[in-house]
């Protein structure tokens, strides 16, 4: 089942750097601090234009240029930093920041509402 999720990521050129940042972020237990540090590190290190928004990719589309990332984020829990996932763009560490509830409205079959 496809989940409706909002994702932030940091794209790095080397797996070693991705693992260092991942280890540091995973050591943070406070969610508010984790969110702040993720944004700070994305702005400083990410090779993606999303760095300007602290790594925020918005609500992830299933039709993406990085199918490996889409597959990995669909299996990840909300609020945990995961990775690294290698794509043609580099090594991604990522975090699902929000998930929308999916339900049947009876009209078009799907309705999404934010869970957070």
N, C-alpha and C. Protein backbone atom coordinates (compact mmCIF):
# COMPACT_ATOMS: atom_id res chain seq x y z
N UNK A 1 0.84 -1.19 0.00
CA UNK A 1 0.00 0.00 0.00
C UNK A 1 0.88 1.25 0.00
N UNK A 2 0.55 2.21 -0.83
CA UNK A 2 1.28 3.47 -0.89
C UNK A 2 0.80 4.37 0.25
N UNK A 3 1.74 4.91 0.98
CA UNK A 3 1.43 5.83 2.07
C UNK A 3 1.56 7.26 1.58
N UNK A 4 0.76 8.16 2.13
CA UNK A 4 0.87 9.58 1.84
C UNK A 4 1.77 10.19 2.92
N UNK A 5 3.02 10.48 2.54
CA UNK A 5 4.01 10.91 3.52
C UNK A 5 4.78 12.15 3.06
N UNK A 6 5.15 12.96 4.04
CA UNK A 6 6.00 14.13 3.80
C UNK A 6 7.41 13.75 4.23
N UNK A 7 8.38 14.02 3.35
CA UNK A 7 9.74 13.53 3.55
C UNK A 7 10.75 14.67 3.47
N UNK A 8 11.75 14.59 4.33
CA UNK A 8 12.92 15.46 4.24
C UNK A 8 14.13 14.57 4.01
N UNK A 9 15.11 15.09 3.27
CA UNK A 9 16.31 14.28 3.02
C UNK A 9 17.54 15.16 2.93
N UNK A 10 18.67 14.49 3.04
CA UNK A 10 19.98 15.11 2.84
C UNK A 10 20.69 14.22 1.84
N UNK A 11 21.13 14.81 0.72
CA UNK A 11 21.83 14.05 -0.31
C UNK A 11 23.31 14.35 -0.20
N UNK A 12 24.11 13.28 -0.10
CA UNK A 12 25.55 13.42 0.08
C UNK A 12 26.29 12.70 -1.04
N UNK A 13 27.49 13.16 -1.31
CA UNK A 13 28.28 12.58 -2.40
C UNK A 13 28.97 11.28 -2.04
N UNK A 14 29.20 11.04 -0.75
CA UNK A 14 29.88 9.81 -0.34
C UNK A 14 29.08 9.07 0.72
N UNK A 15 29.17 7.76 0.69
CA UNK A 15 28.49 6.93 1.67
C UNK A 15 29.08 7.15 3.06
N UNK A 16 30.38 7.38 3.14
CA UNK A 16 31.02 7.60 4.44
C UNK A 16 30.44 8.82 5.15
N UNK A 17 30.30 9.93 4.42
CA UNK A 17 29.74 11.14 5.02
C UNK A 17 28.28 10.90 5.40
N UNK A 18 27.55 10.19 4.56
CA UNK A 18 26.15 9.88 4.86
C UNK A 18 26.04 9.09 6.17
N UNK A 19 26.93 8.13 6.36
CA UNK A 19 26.90 7.31 7.58
C UNK A 19 27.26 8.13 8.81
N UNK A 20 28.21 9.06 8.68
CA UNK A 20 28.58 9.91 9.82
C UNK A 20 27.40 10.79 10.24
N UNK A 21 26.75 11.44 9.27
CA UNK A 21 25.61 12.29 9.60
C UNK A 21 24.45 11.46 10.16
N UNK A 22 24.23 10.29 9.56
CA UNK A 22 23.17 9.40 10.03
C UNK A 22 23.40 8.99 11.48
N UNK A 23 24.61 8.58 11.80
CA UNK A 23 24.93 8.17 13.18
C UNK A 23 24.69 9.32 14.16
N UNK A 24 25.12 10.52 13.79
CA UNK A 24 24.93 11.67 14.66
C UNK A 24 23.46 12.01 14.86
N UNK A 25 22.67 11.96 13.79
CA UNK A 25 21.25 12.26 13.90
C UNK A 25 20.50 11.18 14.67
N UNK A 26 20.85 9.92 14.46
CA UNK A 26 20.16 8.83 15.16
C UNK A 26 20.45 8.84 16.66
N UNK A 27 21.51 9.50 17.08
CA UNK A 27 21.84 9.58 18.50
C UNK A 27 20.98 10.61 19.25
N UNK A 28 20.25 11.43 18.52
CA UNK A 28 19.39 12.47 19.12
C UNK A 28 18.03 11.86 19.45
N UNK A 29 17.65 11.89 20.71
CA UNK A 29 16.40 11.27 21.14
C UNK A 29 15.22 12.24 21.16
N UNK A 30 15.48 13.53 21.34
CA UNK A 30 14.42 14.54 21.41
C UNK A 30 13.97 14.91 19.99
N UNK A 31 12.69 14.71 19.67
CA UNK A 31 12.19 14.93 18.30
C UNK A 31 12.35 16.39 17.86
N UNK A 32 12.09 17.34 18.74
CA UNK A 32 12.22 18.75 18.36
C UNK A 32 13.67 19.09 18.02
N UNK A 33 14.60 18.59 18.82
CA UNK A 33 16.02 18.82 18.56
C UNK A 33 16.45 18.11 17.27
N UNK A 34 15.95 16.88 17.07
CA UNK A 34 16.26 16.14 15.86
C UNK A 34 15.80 16.91 14.62
N UNK A 35 14.59 17.43 14.66
CA UNK A 35 14.08 18.20 13.52
C UNK A 35 14.97 19.41 13.23
N UNK A 36 15.38 20.13 14.26
CA UNK A 36 16.24 21.31 14.09
C UNK A 36 17.61 20.93 13.52
N UNK A 37 18.20 19.86 14.05
CA UNK A 37 19.52 19.44 13.57
C UNK A 37 19.45 18.93 12.13
N UNK A 38 18.37 18.23 11.78
CA UNK A 38 18.22 17.72 10.42
C UNK A 38 18.20 18.90 9.45
N UNK A 39 17.41 19.91 9.76
CA UNK A 39 17.33 21.10 8.90
C UNK A 39 18.69 21.77 8.78
N UNK A 40 19.37 21.93 9.91
CA UNK A 40 20.68 22.58 9.90
C UNK A 40 21.68 21.81 9.04
N UNK A 41 21.74 20.49 9.20
CA UNK A 41 22.68 19.67 8.43
C UNK A 41 22.30 19.63 6.95
N UNK A 42 21.01 19.60 6.65
CA UNK A 42 20.57 19.62 5.24
C UNK A 42 21.01 20.92 4.57
N UNK A 43 20.83 22.03 5.25
CA UNK A 43 21.22 23.33 4.68
C UNK A 43 22.73 23.41 4.46
N UNK A 44 23.49 22.78 5.35
CA UNK A 44 24.94 22.86 5.25
C UNK A 44 25.54 21.85 4.28
N UNK A 45 25.03 20.62 4.25
CA UNK A 45 25.71 19.55 3.52
C UNK A 45 25.01 19.00 2.28
N UNK A 46 23.70 19.17 2.16
CA UNK A 46 22.98 18.48 1.09
C UNK A 46 23.36 18.99 -0.30
N UNK A 47 23.47 18.05 -1.24
CA UNK A 47 23.78 18.37 -2.63
C UNK A 47 22.51 18.60 -3.45
N UNK A 48 21.35 18.63 -2.79
CA UNK A 48 20.06 18.82 -3.46
C UNK A 48 19.56 20.25 -3.23
N UNK A 49 18.84 20.77 -4.20
CA UNK A 49 18.27 22.11 -4.05
C UNK A 49 17.30 22.22 -2.88
N UNK A 50 16.79 21.09 -2.41
CA UNK A 50 15.89 21.10 -1.26
C UNK A 50 16.60 21.58 0.00
N UNK A 51 17.91 21.71 -0.06
CA UNK A 51 18.66 22.18 1.11
C UNK A 51 18.18 23.57 1.56
N UNK A 52 17.71 24.37 0.61
CA UNK A 52 17.20 25.71 0.95
C UNK A 52 16.00 25.64 1.88
N UNK A 53 15.28 24.52 1.81
CA UNK A 53 14.11 24.32 2.67
C UNK A 53 14.43 23.32 3.78
N UNK A 54 15.69 23.18 4.11
CA UNK A 54 16.08 22.26 5.17
C UNK A 54 15.91 20.80 4.80
N UNK A 55 15.92 20.52 3.49
CA UNK A 55 15.80 19.14 3.02
C UNK A 55 14.37 18.70 2.74
N UNK A 56 13.39 19.57 2.99
CA UNK A 56 11.99 19.20 2.82
C UNK A 56 11.64 18.96 1.36
N UNK A 57 11.19 17.74 1.05
CA UNK A 57 10.75 17.39 -0.30
C UNK A 57 9.24 17.56 -0.46
N UNK A 58 8.55 17.84 0.63
CA UNK A 58 7.09 17.93 0.60
C UNK A 58 6.48 16.54 0.62
N UNK A 59 5.23 16.46 0.16
CA UNK A 59 4.51 15.19 0.11
C UNK A 59 5.05 14.39 -1.05
N UNK A 60 5.58 13.22 -0.78
CA UNK A 60 6.28 12.41 -1.77
C UNK A 60 5.33 11.82 -2.79
N UNK A 61 5.68 12.00 -4.04
CA UNK A 61 4.94 11.40 -5.15
C UNK A 61 5.50 10.01 -5.41
N UNK A 62 4.64 9.07 -5.72
CA UNK A 62 5.12 7.72 -6.00
C UNK A 62 5.87 7.67 -7.33
N UNK A 63 5.59 8.62 -8.22
CA UNK A 63 6.31 8.73 -9.49
C UNK A 63 7.47 9.69 -9.29
N UNK A 64 8.62 9.18 -8.97
CA UNK A 64 9.78 10.00 -8.64
C UNK A 64 10.95 9.62 -9.53
N UNK A 65 11.91 10.54 -9.62
CA UNK A 65 13.14 10.26 -10.35
C UNK A 65 14.10 9.38 -9.55
N UNK A 66 13.75 9.10 -8.30
CA UNK A 66 14.59 8.27 -7.44
C UNK A 66 13.74 7.14 -6.84
N UNK A 67 13.41 6.12 -7.65
CA UNK A 67 12.53 5.04 -7.15
C UNK A 67 13.10 4.30 -5.94
N UNK A 68 14.42 4.24 -5.82
CA UNK A 68 15.04 3.57 -4.66
C UNK A 68 14.67 4.31 -3.36
N UNK A 69 14.63 5.64 -3.45
CA UNK A 69 14.27 6.44 -2.28
C UNK A 69 12.79 6.25 -1.95
N UNK A 70 11.94 6.26 -2.95
CA UNK A 70 10.50 6.07 -2.73
C UNK A 70 10.24 4.74 -2.04
N UNK A 71 10.90 3.69 -2.51
CA UNK A 71 10.72 2.36 -1.91
C UNK A 71 11.16 2.35 -0.45
N UNK A 72 12.29 2.98 -0.17
CA UNK A 72 12.82 3.00 1.21
C UNK A 72 11.92 3.81 2.14
N UNK A 73 11.44 4.96 1.70
CA UNK A 73 10.62 5.78 2.60
C UNK A 73 9.26 5.15 2.86
N UNK A 74 8.73 4.40 1.92
CA UNK A 74 7.44 3.75 2.14
C UNK A 74 7.51 2.74 3.29
N UNK A 75 8.69 2.20 3.55
CA UNK A 75 8.86 1.20 4.61
C UNK A 75 9.34 1.81 5.93
N UNK A 76 9.60 3.11 5.97
CA UNK A 76 10.19 3.75 7.15
C UNK A 76 9.13 4.29 8.11
N UNK A 77 9.46 4.34 9.40
CA UNK A 77 8.54 4.92 10.38
C UNK A 77 8.63 6.45 10.40
N UNK A 78 7.59 7.09 10.87
CA UNK A 78 7.57 8.55 11.01
C UNK A 78 8.51 8.98 12.13
N UNK A 79 9.30 10.03 11.88
CA UNK A 79 10.13 10.62 12.92
C UNK A 79 11.47 9.96 13.18
N UNK A 80 11.85 8.96 12.39
CA UNK A 80 13.14 8.30 12.55
C UNK A 80 14.01 8.60 11.33
N UNK A 81 15.28 8.90 11.56
CA UNK A 81 16.21 9.14 10.46
C UNK A 81 16.69 7.79 9.94
N UNK A 82 16.62 7.60 8.63
CA UNK A 82 16.97 6.33 8.01
C UNK A 82 17.93 6.54 6.84
N UNK A 83 18.50 5.44 6.36
CA UNK A 83 19.39 5.50 5.21
C UNK A 83 20.70 4.81 5.52
N UNK A 84 21.73 5.05 4.76
CA UNK A 84 21.69 5.77 3.49
C UNK A 84 21.12 4.91 2.37
N UNK A 85 20.45 5.58 1.43
CA UNK A 85 19.92 4.95 0.23
C UNK A 85 20.65 5.55 -0.96
N UNK A 86 21.22 4.68 -1.78
CA UNK A 86 21.97 5.16 -2.94
C UNK A 86 21.05 5.29 -4.15
N UNK A 87 21.10 6.46 -4.78
CA UNK A 87 20.40 6.70 -6.04
C UNK A 87 21.39 7.33 -7.01
N UNK A 88 20.94 7.64 -8.19
CA UNK A 88 21.85 8.29 -9.15
C UNK A 88 22.25 9.69 -8.72
N UNK A 89 21.56 10.24 -7.72
CA UNK A 89 21.87 11.58 -7.22
C UNK A 89 22.89 11.58 -6.08
N UNK A 90 23.09 10.43 -5.46
CA UNK A 90 24.01 10.33 -4.34
C UNK A 90 23.45 9.44 -3.25
N UNK A 91 23.88 9.68 -2.03
CA UNK A 91 23.46 8.89 -0.87
C UNK A 91 22.50 9.74 -0.03
N UNK A 92 21.30 9.23 0.15
CA UNK A 92 20.26 9.96 0.87
C UNK A 92 20.12 9.44 2.29
N UNK A 93 20.06 10.36 3.24
CA UNK A 93 19.53 10.02 4.55
C UNK A 93 18.22 10.80 4.62
N UNK A 94 17.21 10.21 5.24
CA UNK A 94 15.89 10.80 5.16
C UNK A 94 15.09 10.58 6.42
N UNK A 95 14.02 11.37 6.52
CA UNK A 95 13.12 11.26 7.66
C UNK A 95 11.71 11.59 7.18
N UNK A 96 10.76 10.75 7.55
CA UNK A 96 9.35 11.06 7.30
C UNK A 96 8.91 12.01 8.41
N UNK A 97 8.46 13.20 8.02
CA UNK A 97 8.08 14.20 9.02
C UNK A 97 6.58 14.20 9.32
N UNK A 98 5.77 13.73 8.35
CA UNK A 98 4.32 13.65 8.54
C UNK A 98 3.76 12.50 7.73
N UNK A 99 2.63 11.97 8.18
CA UNK A 99 1.92 10.97 7.41
C UNK A 99 0.44 11.33 7.42
N UNK A 100 -0.20 11.28 6.26
CA UNK A 100 -1.62 11.58 6.17
C UNK A 100 -2.42 10.29 6.27
N UNK A 101 -3.54 10.37 6.94
CA UNK A 101 -4.44 9.21 7.04
C UNK A 101 -5.13 9.03 5.70
N UNK A 102 -5.21 7.80 5.27
CA UNK A 102 -5.89 7.49 4.02
C UNK A 102 -7.18 6.75 4.36
N UNK A 103 -8.30 7.21 3.80
CA UNK A 103 -9.57 6.56 4.07
C UNK A 103 -10.48 6.62 2.86
N UNK A 104 -11.48 5.79 2.83
CA UNK A 104 -12.43 5.73 1.72
C UNK A 104 -13.55 6.73 1.95
N UNK A 105 -13.70 7.68 1.02
CA UNK A 105 -14.76 8.67 1.13
C UNK A 105 -16.01 8.23 0.39
N UNK A 106 -15.89 7.19 -0.44
CA UNK A 106 -17.02 6.71 -1.19
C UNK A 106 -17.21 7.44 -2.51
N UNK A 107 -16.50 8.55 -2.71
CA UNK A 107 -16.63 9.32 -3.94
C UNK A 107 -15.57 8.89 -4.93
N UNK A 108 -14.32 9.18 -4.61
CA UNK A 108 -13.22 8.78 -5.49
C UNK A 108 -12.40 7.66 -4.88
N UNK A 109 -12.79 7.20 -3.71
CA UNK A 109 -12.13 6.06 -3.10
C UNK A 109 -11.04 6.39 -2.10
N UNK A 110 -10.48 7.60 -2.17
CA UNK A 110 -9.39 7.91 -1.24
C UNK A 110 -9.56 9.33 -0.73
N UNK A 111 -9.25 9.50 0.54
CA UNK A 111 -9.23 10.82 1.17
C UNK A 111 -8.03 10.85 2.08
N UNK A 112 -7.25 11.92 2.00
CA UNK A 112 -6.09 12.04 2.87
C UNK A 112 -6.31 13.17 3.85
N UNK A 113 -5.98 12.91 5.11
CA UNK A 113 -6.03 13.92 6.16
C UNK A 113 -4.78 13.78 6.99
N UNK A 114 -4.23 14.88 7.47
CA UNK A 114 -2.95 14.84 8.17
C UNK A 114 -3.08 14.19 9.53
N UNK A 115 -2.16 13.25 9.82
CA UNK A 115 -2.06 12.61 11.13
C UNK A 115 -1.04 13.29 12.02
N UNK A 116 0.10 13.64 11.45
CA UNK A 116 1.27 14.20 12.13
C UNK A 116 1.82 13.22 13.08
